Protein backbone atom coordinates (compact mmCIF):
# COMPACT_ATOMS: atom_id res chain seq x y z
CA MET A 1 -6.89 -26.38 -97.98
CA ARG A 2 -3.07 -26.98 -97.80
CA ARG A 3 -0.59 -26.00 -100.49
CA GLY A 4 2.93 -27.52 -99.77
CA THR A 5 3.36 -26.81 -96.07
CA ILE A 6 1.04 -23.83 -95.72
CA PHE A 7 -2.70 -23.77 -95.02
CA TYR A 8 -5.01 -21.60 -97.12
CA PHE A 9 -8.69 -20.25 -96.61
CA ARG A 10 -11.00 -20.54 -99.59
CA LYS A 11 -14.51 -19.39 -99.75
CA ARG A 12 -16.85 -19.07 -102.59
CA LEU A 13 -18.46 -15.50 -102.52
CA PRO A 14 -22.00 -14.57 -103.75
CA LYS A 15 -21.97 -14.82 -107.60
CA ALA A 16 -21.24 -11.34 -108.99
CA SER A 17 -23.03 -10.66 -112.28
CA PRO A 18 -20.51 -9.11 -114.69
CA PRO A 19 -21.50 -5.97 -116.62
CA PRO A 20 -23.06 -6.70 -120.05
CA GLY A 21 -20.46 -7.86 -122.66
CA GLU A 22 -17.74 -8.89 -119.94
CA ARG A 23 -16.85 -12.30 -118.62
CA ALA A 24 -17.37 -13.20 -114.93
CA SER A 25 -14.30 -12.46 -112.88
CA HIS A 26 -12.46 -14.74 -110.55
CA LYS A 27 -13.45 -12.51 -107.69
CA SER A 28 -16.24 -14.81 -106.74
CA LEU A 29 -13.71 -16.89 -104.92
CA PHE A 30 -11.76 -15.63 -102.06
CA CYS A 31 -8.49 -17.43 -101.24
CA ALA A 32 -5.80 -16.16 -98.90
CA SER A 33 -2.86 -17.78 -96.99
CA LEU A 34 -3.58 -18.40 -93.21
CA GLN A 35 0.29 -18.03 -92.81
CA THR A 36 0.67 -21.27 -90.76
CA ASN A 37 1.73 -24.82 -91.23
CA VAL A 38 0.12 -25.87 -88.02
CA LEU A 39 -3.24 -27.53 -88.48
CA ALA A 40 -4.64 -26.38 -85.24
CA GLU A 41 -3.72 -22.72 -85.89
CA ALA A 42 -5.16 -23.07 -89.40
CA PHE A 43 -8.54 -24.37 -88.19
CA ALA A 44 -8.75 -21.56 -85.46
CA ARG A 45 -7.86 -18.78 -88.07
CA ALA A 46 -10.28 -20.25 -90.68
CA ALA A 47 -13.12 -20.47 -88.00
CA GLN A 48 -12.72 -17.06 -86.92
CA LEU A 49 -12.55 -15.80 -90.40
CA LEU A 50 -15.67 -17.81 -91.58
CA ASP A 51 -17.66 -16.56 -88.55
CA PHE A 52 -16.61 -13.04 -89.44
CA TYR A 53 -17.60 -13.50 -93.04
CA GLU A 54 -21.06 -14.71 -92.22
CA THR A 55 -21.73 -11.82 -90.00
CA LYS A 56 -20.49 -9.21 -92.46
CA ARG A 57 -22.07 -10.85 -95.65
CA LYS A 58 -25.47 -10.69 -93.92
CA GLN A 59 -24.95 -7.05 -92.89
CA LEU A 60 -23.50 -5.97 -96.29
CA LEU A 61 -26.39 -7.68 -98.41
CA LEU A 62 -29.02 -6.20 -96.09
CA ASP A 63 -27.45 -2.74 -96.24
CA THR A 64 -26.61 -2.46 -99.86
CA THR A 65 -29.45 -4.44 -101.57
CA GLN A 66 -30.41 -1.47 -103.90
CA THR A 67 -27.17 0.55 -103.84
CA MET A 68 -24.35 -1.74 -104.74
CA SER A 69 -23.73 -4.27 -107.68
CA ASP A 70 -22.96 -7.79 -106.86
CA ALA A 71 -19.22 -7.09 -108.03
CA ALA A 72 -19.05 -4.14 -105.84
CA VAL A 73 -20.31 -6.37 -102.87
CA ASN A 74 -17.71 -8.94 -103.59
CA ALA A 75 -14.99 -6.40 -103.88
CA VAL A 76 -15.89 -4.99 -100.40
CA LEU A 77 -16.07 -8.54 -98.93
CA HIS A 78 -12.55 -9.24 -100.37
CA HIS A 79 -11.16 -6.19 -98.63
CA ILE A 80 -12.78 -6.80 -95.23
CA LEU A 81 -11.89 -10.43 -95.36
CA ARG A 82 -8.19 -9.65 -96.03
CA THR A 83 -8.26 -6.89 -93.35
CA GLU A 84 -9.89 -9.18 -90.70
CA LEU A 85 -7.43 -12.00 -91.68
CA ASN A 86 -4.47 -9.71 -91.09
CA ARG A 87 -5.85 -8.78 -87.70
CA ILE A 88 -6.39 -12.29 -86.61
CA ILE A 89 -2.93 -13.25 -87.55
CA ARG A 90 -1.42 -10.32 -85.78
CA GLY A 91 -3.47 -11.17 -82.69
CA GLN A 92 -2.38 -14.76 -82.50
CA ASN A 93 1.30 -13.75 -83.14
CA ALA A 94 1.42 -11.03 -80.63
CA PRO A 95 3.19 -12.10 -77.46
CA SER A 96 1.05 -11.78 -74.30
CA THR A 97 2.35 -10.36 -71.18
CA ASP A 98 -0.95 -10.52 -69.24
CA ILE A 99 -0.85 -13.77 -66.98
CA ALA A 100 -4.55 -13.95 -67.00
CA ALA A 101 -4.64 -14.02 -70.81
CA VAL A 102 -1.99 -16.81 -70.83
CA ASP A 103 -3.91 -18.81 -68.39
CA ALA A 104 -7.26 -18.37 -70.23
């Protein structure tokens, strides 16, 4: 998704069931800036983040089926997605001095 000149990543997370008497929170949608206005970079970052999300979601849901609420799972997914996106952006913005890496 693009807002102005910057691209954003949006992904609906598994529905979190709110505690009794509370409304559902907006946390069921993850949205973060990809910090680029270049379409190719946005696609690359979004693809990496989506692949990471699918892997972590499956692991998290298998590991925490009985121990965490849906809201807690979504909070963890938000945190790890933001952390991974920051890692992806830092990795793409870091200058490479290794000629083999540049050639690849």
